[in-house]
Amino acid sequence: MKLRTRSLYLLAAATAVSIALAGCAPKSAPRITVKTAPAREDRIVRTVEFSGVLVPNRTVNVFSKIAGQATSVTTDVGGKVRAGQLLVQIDTKELNAQLAVAEASASGVSDQAGSVKTSLETARLTLLLAQRSYDRTKTLLDTKVVTQSQLDDAQTKLDLAKAAYDTASHQYQTVSGSGLAQAQAQVNLIKVQISNSTITSPINGIVTNRNINPGEITSVSAPLFTVSDLATLKLQGNVSQDDVVRLAVGGTVKVIVDALSTRTYTGRIEQVGPIAAATGQYFPVVVSLRNDGRLFAGMTAKASQEWTSGQGIVVPLSAVTDPRDGAASVFIISDGRAHRRDVTLGPRNDTEVQVLSGLASGEMVATSSVSSLLDGVEVAQ
């Protein structure tokens, strides 16, 4: 009995030791399962996209330079007009009367200038004769043929002739100069006002607004018409700072108008804004496209352009940790373990990124569970 009890005690003790040793035995860490992809030589193809609203290439408000009664209005909203085409004719009866008066006044001044010129020529001849008489009398005085009194008389006549000539010369300069110029300027001013009574379109386009009717008085402060050039439309949008560097003025883009989604238009980049828009790190871009007659200002559209990088090492974007951080890294998978590798990133698209340094073609990189990996950890594929 005692032997049996002792055996039971020894068996219990052995079992306890076995359990304790089992609890102290090291456990093997579970391996992380990852998917992999090879780093390869390739190019990044990126699609730069932006959307916006189609607007007229050019819009002009047409003002009147003079106030007057509109005798005729030749077009309405929606009408097609050409540059130089008559839009509004303002009554000129009063201006024509003013022009007749001004021309008559200018003609009178011109006639007066002719009369004064004749007087000036007469004064010039009188002065010439007086000068000769004085010179001859002075010579005869030296030979005692004439008296001093006669010389004084000749001097007086010469002085009077000079004064008359100066007066006639001044009068001619006044009449033929400033006087005639003022009269002619008044004529020209009225002619300009008459020419301003004919209001024409400054551009080819379509009338999009009209604020005048026949019989109404034109205003010089409010536009009579608005004319828009719809032969060419512009798409205005914004692109990110990553994409703006890939666009250049003169480049072409593919444009799809939402209302005409089955058609594709070719647009030309007209402007790439050098200053970010108010929305942040986005830059304005303007694209022009020819209107085939189906497009209307206000339609929404999307522009896109494919950009291709140079040849380089390309990996899936999912392989990169902190892809926007300057200290990005990937995990190289070799010998059943993950090895962290710092890399320098280049261009990217929605699925792939080009690695500028830190990685060689053919190396296998982890593309899943990247956030769970540590340097040197065992992995399963």
Protein backbone atom coordinates (compact mmCIF):
# COMPACT_ATOMS: atom_id res chain seq x y z
CA MET A 1 0.00 0.00 0.00
CA LYS A 2 2.77 2.33 0.92
CA LEU A 3 4.61 1.42 -2.29
CA ARG A 4 1.51 2.17 -4.37
CA THR A 5 1.05 5.56 -2.69
CA ARG A 6 4.68 6.47 -3.27
CA SER A 7 4.42 5.54 -6.97
CA LEU A 8 1.39 7.80 -7.36
CA TYR A 9 3.31 10.69 -5.79
CA LEU A 10 6.26 10.19 -8.16
CA LEU A 11 3.93 10.00 -11.19
CA ALA A 12 2.20 13.25 -10.18
CA ALA A 13 5.51 15.00 -9.69
CA ALA A 14 6.78 13.87 -13.10
CA THR A 15 3.58 15.10 -14.74
CA ALA A 16 3.91 18.51 -13.07
CA VAL A 17 7.53 18.83 -14.22
CA SER A 18 6.53 17.92 -17.79
CA ILE A 19 3.79 20.54 -17.80
CA ALA A 20 6.18 23.16 -16.43
CA LEU A 21 8.83 22.32 -19.01
CA ALA A 22 6.23 22.46 -21.78
CA GLY A 23 5.20 25.96 -20.64
CA CYS A 24 8.80 27.16 -20.74
CA ALA A 25 9.50 25.80 -24.24
CA PRO A 26 9.90 28.58 -26.92
CA LYS A 27 6.97 29.10 -29.33
CA SER A 28 7.69 29.71 -33.06
CA ALA A 29 6.37 33.19 -34.28
CA PRO A 30 3.76 32.96 -37.08
CA ARG A 31 5.03 34.02 -40.49
CA ILE A 32 3.28 36.92 -42.30
CA THR A 33 1.78 36.00 -45.64
CA VAL A 34 2.58 38.51 -48.38
CA LYS A 35 2.06 38.93 -52.06
CA THR A 36 5.05 39.95 -54.15
CA ALA A 37 5.82 41.51 -57.50
CA PRO A 38 9.10 41.98 -59.36
CA ALA A 39 10.61 45.43 -59.85
CA ARG A 40 10.77 45.91 -63.62
CA GLU A 41 12.10 48.29 -66.26
CA ASP A 42 9.17 50.28 -67.62
CA ARG A 43 7.61 53.70 -68.10
CA ILE A 44 4.90 55.43 -66.09
CA VAL A 45 1.85 56.46 -68.09
CA ARG A 46 -0.16 59.09 -66.25
CA THR A 47 -3.44 60.63 -67.35
CA VAL A 48 -3.74 64.31 -66.40
CA GLU A 49 -7.43 65.23 -66.13
CA PHE A 50 -9.40 68.32 -65.24
CA SER A 51 -12.97 69.43 -65.79
CA GLY A 52 -14.69 72.77 -66.16
CA VAL A 53 -17.27 74.81 -68.02
CA LEU A 54 -17.09 75.99 -71.63
CA VAL A 55 -17.02 79.79 -71.92
CA PRO A 56 -16.85 82.10 -74.96
CA ASN A 57 -13.41 82.77 -76.36
CA ARG A 58 -14.12 86.49 -76.15
CA THR A 59 -17.03 88.59 -74.90
CA VAL A 60 -17.39 92.29 -75.72
CA ASN A 61 -19.84 94.84 -74.33
CA VAL A 62 -20.78 97.38 -77.02
CA PHE A 63 -21.26 100.94 -75.74
CA SER A 64 -22.40 104.12 -77.47
CA LYS A 65 -19.99 107.06 -77.44
CA ILE A 66 -22.79 109.60 -77.80
CA ALA A 67 -26.32 109.94 -76.45
CA GLY A 68 -29.03 110.10 -79.07
CA GLN A 69 -32.21 108.56 -80.34
CA ALA A 70 -31.80 105.11 -81.92
CA THR A 71 -33.46 105.20 -85.34
CA SER A 72 -32.77 101.53 -86.10
CA VAL A 73 -31.62 98.36 -84.30
CA THR A 74 -30.59 95.68 -86.76
CA THR A 75 -30.26 92.49 -84.67
CA ASP A 76 -31.48 90.69 -81.59
CA VAL A 77 -30.27 88.12 -79.05
CA GLY A 78 -29.01 85.03 -80.85
CA GLY A 79 -28.23 86.90 -84.04
CA LYS A 80 -24.93 86.21 -85.76
CA VAL A 81 -22.91 89.34 -86.53
CA ARG A 82 -19.65 90.12 -88.28
CA ALA A 83 -16.99 92.59 -87.24
CA GLY A 84 -18.02 96.00 -88.60
CA GLN A 85 -21.67 95.06 -89.04
CA LEU A 86 -24.21 97.78 -88.13
CA LEU A 87 -25.97 97.21 -84.82
CA VAL A 88 -27.55 100.58 -84.01
CA GLN A 89 -28.02 103.81 -85.98
CA ILE A 90 -28.45 107.02 -83.97
CA ASP A 91 -30.33 110.01 -85.40
CA THR A 92 -27.93 112.66 -86.80
CA LYS A 93 -30.26 115.47 -87.93
CA GLU A 94 -29.09 117.80 -85.17
CA LEU A 95 -25.45 116.88 -85.70
CA ASN A 96 -25.78 117.48 -89.45
CA ALA A 97 -27.14 120.97 -88.74
CA GLN A 98 -24.25 121.66 -86.36
CA LEU A 99 -21.82 120.46 -89.00
CA ALA A 100 -23.28 122.85 -91.59
CA VAL A 101 -22.83 125.78 -89.20
CA ALA A 102 -19.30 124.75 -88.32
CA GLU A 103 -18.30 124.31 -91.95
CA ALA A 104 -19.74 127.73 -92.79
CA SER A 105 -17.78 129.24 -89.92
CA ALA A 106 -14.61 127.52 -91.06
CA SER A 107 -15.21 128.75 -94.60
CA GLY A 108 -15.65 132.32 -93.31
CA VAL A 109 -12.42 132.11 -91.35
CA SER A 110 -10.68 130.76 -94.43
CA ASP A 111 -12.00 133.67 -96.51
CA GLN A 112 -10.88 136.07 -93.81
CA ALA A 113 -7.46 134.50 -93.85
CA GLY A 114 -7.28 135.09 -97.62
CA SER A 115 -8.24 138.74 -97.20
CA VAL A 116 -5.71 139.25 -94.43
CA LYS A 117 -3.06 137.60 -96.58
CA THR A 118 -3.75 140.16 -99.34
CA SER A 119 -3.41 142.98 -96.79
CA LEU A 120 -0.16 141.44 -95.57
CA GLU A 121 1.22 141.37 -99.10
CA THR A 122 0.25 145.03 -99.59
CA ALA A 123 1.94 146.01 -96.32
CA ARG A 124 5.05 144.12 -97.37
CA LEU A 125 5.26 146.04 -100.68
CA THR A 126 4.64 149.36 -98.88
CA LEU A 127 7.45 148.56 -96.43
CA LEU A 128 9.78 147.70 -99.31
CA LEU A 129 9.08 151.03 -101.05
CA ALA A 130 9.49 152.97 -97.80
CA GLN A 131 12.82 151.28 -97.15
CA ARG A 132 14.09 152.15 -100.64
CA SER A 133 12.92 155.78 -100.30
CA TYR A 134 14.67 156.11 -96.97
CA ASP A 135 17.91 154.61 -98.30
CA ARG A 136 17.88 156.92 -101.34
CA THR A 137 17.14 160.05 -99.24
CA LYS A 138 19.95 159.22 -96.84
CA THR A 139 22.39 158.91 -99.74
CA LEU A 140 21.29 162.26 -101.17
CA LEU A 141 21.64 163.91 -97.75
CA ASP A 142 25.35 163.11 -97.77
CA THR A 143 25.68 165.03 -101.09
CA LYS A 144 23.60 167.98 -99.74
CA VAL A 145 20.93 167.38 -102.39
CA VAL A 146 18.14 166.87 -99.76
CA THR A 147 17.65 168.34 -96.35
CA GLN A 148 17.56 166.70 -92.95
CA SER A 149 13.85 167.42 -92.83
CA GLN A 150 13.29 165.27 -95.90
CA LEU A 151 15.27 162.42 -94.35
CA ASP A 152 13.21 162.64 -91.18
CA ASP A 153 10.05 162.47 -93.27
CA ALA A 154 11.36 159.33 -95.03
CA GLN A 155 12.18 157.80 -91.64
CA THR A 156 8.67 158.43 -90.40
CA LYS A 157 7.14 156.79 -93.45
CA LEU A 158 9.45 153.78 -92.99
CA ASP A 159 8.46 153.39 -89.34
CA LEU A 160 4.78 153.56 -90.23
CA ALA A 161 5.25 150.93 -92.97
CA LYS A 162 7.04 148.61 -90.53
CA ALA A 163 4.27 148.99 -87.97
CA ALA A 164 1.61 148.29 -90.59
CA TYR A 165 3.46 145.21 -91.79
CA ASP A 166 3.88 143.85 -88.26
CA THR A 167 0.17 144.37 -87.58
CA ALA A 168 -0.85 142.64 -90.82
CA SER A 169 1.59 139.77 -90.16
CA HIS A 170 0.24 139.20 -86.64
CA GLN A 171 -3.34 139.34 -87.87
CA TYR A 172 -2.60 136.80 -90.62
CA GLN A 173 -0.90 134.42 -88.22
CA THR A 174 -3.87 134.66 -85.85
CA VAL A 175 -6.52 134.13 -88.51
CA SER A 176 -4.73 131.51 -90.61
CA GLY A 177 -3.23 129.77 -87.60
CA SER A 178 -5.23 129.33 -84.39
CA GLY A 179 -8.43 130.82 -85.76
CA LEU A 180 -8.61 128.56 -88.79
CA ALA A 181 -7.39 125.58 -86.73
CA GLN A 182 -10.14 126.07 -84.16
CA ALA A 183 -12.80 126.35 -86.84
CA GLN A 184 -11.54 123.21 -88.57
CA ALA A 185 -11.27 121.36 -85.24
CA GLN A 186 -14.92 122.09 -84.56
CA VAL A 187 -15.83 120.67 -87.96
CA ASN A 188 -13.77 117.54 -87.30
CA LEU A 189 -15.32 117.09 -83.83
CA ILE A 190 -18.83 117.10 -85.23
CA LYS A 191 -17.80 114.70 -88.01
CA VAL A 192 -16.45 112.31 -85.36
CA GLN A 193 -19.72 112.54 -83.45
CA ILE A 194 -21.61 111.74 -86.64
CA SER A 195 -19.37 108.73 -87.26
CA ASN A 196 -19.99 107.60 -83.67
CA SER A 197 -23.71 107.58 -84.40
CA THR A 198 -23.14 104.38 -86.38
CA ILE A 199 -22.53 101.61 -83.83
CA THR A 200 -21.03 98.41 -85.22
CA SER A 201 -19.92 95.05 -83.84
CA PRO A 202 -16.22 94.97 -82.92
CA ILE A 203 -15.93 91.19 -83.43
CA ASN A 204 -17.48 88.23 -85.20
CA GLY A 205 -19.87 86.50 -82.87
CA ILE A 206 -23.38 86.02 -81.56
CA VAL A 207 -25.46 88.63 -79.75
CA THR A 208 -25.99 87.39 -76.19
CA ASN A 209 -27.60 90.51 -74.72
CA ARG A 210 -29.52 93.54 -76.05
CA ASN A 211 -30.52 96.66 -74.08
CA ILE A 212 -31.79 99.07 -76.77
CA ASN A 213 -34.90 99.39 -78.90
CA PRO A 214 -35.68 101.72 -81.82
CA GLY A 215 -36.80 105.14 -80.58
CA GLU A 216 -34.99 104.88 -77.23
CA ILE A 217 -32.16 107.20 -76.19
CA THR A 218 -28.76 105.54 -76.08
CA SER A 219 -26.70 105.73 -72.92
CA VAL A 220 -22.95 106.14 -72.81
CA SER A 221 -22.70 104.36 -69.43
CA ALA A 222 -24.66 101.14 -70.10
CA PRO A 223 -23.87 98.58 -72.83
CA LEU A 224 -26.28 98.42 -75.74
CA PHE A 225 -25.25 94.90 -76.77
CA THR A 226 -23.09 92.04 -75.62
CA VAL A 227 -21.41 90.05 -78.40
CA SER A 228 -19.65 86.74 -77.72
CA ASP A 229 -17.23 84.87 -79.97
CA LEU A 230 -18.50 81.29 -79.86
CA ALA A 231 -16.51 80.05 -82.86
CA THR A 232 -13.86 79.11 -80.32
CA LEU A 233 -14.72 78.07 -76.78
CA LYS A 234 -12.49 77.84 -73.75
CA LEU A 235 -12.47 75.20 -71.03
CA GLN A 236 -11.22 76.54 -67.73
CA GLY A 237 -10.17 74.15 -64.98
CA ASN A 238 -7.59 73.47 -62.27
CA VAL A 239 -4.87 70.82 -61.98
CA SER A 240 -2.74 69.74 -59.04
CA GLN A 241 0.86 70.79 -58.55
CA ASP A 242 1.96 67.26 -59.53
CA ASP A 243 0.27 67.58 -62.92
CA VAL A 244 0.77 71.25 -63.77
CA VAL A 245 4.47 70.63 -64.47
CA ARG A 246 3.49 68.12 -67.16
CA LEU A 247 1.34 70.60 -69.13
CA ALA A 248 2.71 73.15 -71.58
CA VAL A 249 1.17 75.95 -73.62
CA GLY A 250 0.58 74.71 -77.15
CA GLY A 251 0.05 71.10 -76.10
CA THR A 252 -3.07 69.22 -77.14
CA VAL A 253 -5.64 67.54 -74.91
CA LYS A 254 -8.65 65.32 -75.50
CA VAL A 255 -11.92 67.00 -74.56
CA ILE A 256 -15.20 65.20 -73.92
CA VAL A 257 -18.30 67.35 -73.48
CA ASP A 258 -20.75 65.80 -71.04
CA ALA A 259 -23.76 66.52 -73.23
CA LEU A 260 -22.01 65.00 -76.27
CA SER A 261 -20.17 62.11 -74.62
CA THR A 262 -19.91 60.10 -77.85
CA ARG A 263 -17.79 62.80 -79.51
CA THR A 264 -14.19 63.68 -78.75
CA TYR A 265 -12.74 67.13 -79.43
CA THR A 266 -9.11 68.16 -79.64
CA GLY A 267 -8.24 71.16 -77.52
CA ARG A 268 -5.14 73.34 -77.37
CA ILE A 269 -3.62 74.48 -74.08
CA GLU A 270 -3.68 78.28 -74.14
CA GLN A 271 -2.68 79.12 -70.57
CA VAL A 272 -1.06 77.37 -67.64
CA GLY A 273 -1.40 79.57 -64.58
CA PRO A 274 1.91 80.38 -62.86
CA ILE A 275 0.14 81.10 -59.55
CA ALA A 276 -1.94 78.60 -57.59
CA ALA A 277 -5.68 79.19 -57.48
CA ALA A 278 -7.48 80.08 -54.28
CA THR A 279 -8.38 76.41 -53.79
CA GLY A 280 -4.84 75.60 -52.66
CA GLN A 281 -2.12 73.76 -54.52
CA TYR A 282 -4.12 73.74 -57.75
CA PHE A 283 -3.25 75.79 -60.81
CA PRO A 284 -5.61 77.23 -63.47
CA VAL A 285 -5.45 75.82 -66.98
CA VAL A 286 -7.26 77.18 -70.06
CA VAL A 287 -7.91 75.03 -73.15
CA SER A 288 -9.42 76.31 -76.41
CA LEU A 289 -11.37 74.21 -78.89
CA ARG A 290 -13.10 74.94 -82.17
CA ASN A 291 -16.89 74.93 -82.09
CA ASP A 292 -18.37 72.60 -84.69
CA GLY A 293 -21.79 74.17 -84.17
CA ARG A 294 -22.88 71.69 -81.50
CA LEU A 295 -21.22 73.36 -78.53
CA PHE A 296 -22.80 75.99 -76.30
CA ALA A 297 -21.25 78.21 -73.67
CA GLY A 298 -22.06 76.82 -70.23
CA MET A 299 -21.68 73.13 -71.12
CA THR A 300 -19.51 71.07 -68.78
CA ALA A 301 -16.58 69.14 -70.19
CA LYS A 302 -13.52 67.14 -69.19
CA ALA A 303 -10.04 67.42 -70.67
CA SER A 304 -7.36 64.74 -70.44
CA GLN A 305 -3.79 64.27 -71.62
CA GLU A 306 -1.60 61.19 -71.34
CA TRP A 307 1.94 61.76 -70.09
CA THR A 308 4.69 59.12 -70.35
CA SER A 309 7.84 59.17 -68.24
CA GLY A 310 11.29 58.02 -69.22
CA GLN A 311 12.45 54.43 -68.75
CA GLY A 312 13.07 53.39 -65.13
CA ILE A 313 12.39 50.91 -62.34
CA VAL A 314 8.64 50.54 -61.72
CA VAL A 315 6.85 48.84 -58.81
CA PRO A 316 3.20 48.73 -57.69
CA LEU A 317 2.24 51.74 -55.58
CA SER A 318 0.99 49.32 -52.90
CA ALA A 319 4.61 48.21 -52.31
CA VAL A 320 5.67 51.62 -51.03
CA THR A 321 5.38 52.73 -47.43
CA ASP A 322 4.63 56.43 -46.96
CA PRO A 323 4.51 56.99 -50.73
CA ARG A 324 4.19 60.77 -50.29
CA ASP A 325 7.01 60.99 -47.76
CA GLY A 326 10.54 61.82 -48.85
CA ALA A 327 11.80 58.81 -46.83
CA ALA A 328 9.74 56.17 -48.63
CA SER A 329 10.73 52.52 -48.47
CA VAL A 330 9.87 49.07 -49.82
CA PHE A 331 10.37 45.55 -48.45
CA ILE A 332 12.57 43.26 -50.53
CA ILE A 333 11.56 39.59 -50.13
CA SER A 334 14.47 37.14 -50.25
CA ASP A 335 15.29 33.88 -48.45
CA GLY A 336 11.87 33.88 -46.82
CA ARG A 337 12.42 37.19 -45.04
CA ALA A 338 11.47 40.84 -45.56
CA HIS A 339 14.29 43.38 -45.83
CA ARG A 340 13.46 47.08 -45.57
CA ARG A 341 15.02 49.26 -48.34
CA ASP A 342 14.87 53.07 -48.50
CA VAL A 343 14.07 54.33 -52.01
CA THR A 344 13.68 57.60 -53.87
CA LEU A 345 10.42 57.95 -55.74
CA GLY A 346 9.72 59.53 -59.09
CA PRO A 347 6.60 59.89 -61.27
CA ARG A 348 3.54 57.84 -60.41
CA ASN A 349 0.04 57.10 -61.57
CA ASP A 350 -2.91 55.60 -59.73
CA THR A 351 -1.39 52.09 -59.51
CA GLU A 352 2.39 52.30 -60.05
CA VAL A 353 5.37 54.43 -59.15
CA GLN A 354 8.83 54.81 -60.61
CA VAL A 355 11.77 54.30 -58.24
CA LEU A 356 14.70 56.57 -59.02
CA SER A 357 17.19 54.93 -56.65
CA GLY A 358 17.46 52.16 -54.10
CA LEU A 359 16.05 49.29 -56.14
CA ALA A 360 17.26 47.06 -58.98
CA SER A 361 15.26 45.43 -61.74
CA GLY A 362 14.17 41.87 -60.88
CA GLU A 363 14.13 42.27 -57.10
CA MET A 364 10.92 41.00 -55.53
CA VAL A 365 8.98 43.49 -53.40
CA ALA A 366 6.09 42.87 -51.02
CA THR A 367 2.81 44.31 -52.30
CA SER A 368 0.51 43.30 -49.43
CA SER A 369 0.64 43.50 -45.61
CA VAL A 370 3.38 46.11 -46.04
CA SER A 371 2.28 48.04 -42.95
CA SER A 372 2.70 44.87 -40.81
CA LEU A 373 6.23 44.01 -41.94
CA LEU A 374 9.41 44.62 -39.99
CA ASP A 375 12.98 44.39 -41.18
CA GLY A 376 14.11 40.75 -41.03
CA VAL A 377 10.72 39.21 -40.25
CA GLU A 378 9.89 35.83 -41.77
CA VAL A 379 7.26 35.84 -44.50
CA ALA A 380 5.28 33.31 -46.46
CA GLN A 381 4.23 33.74 -50.07
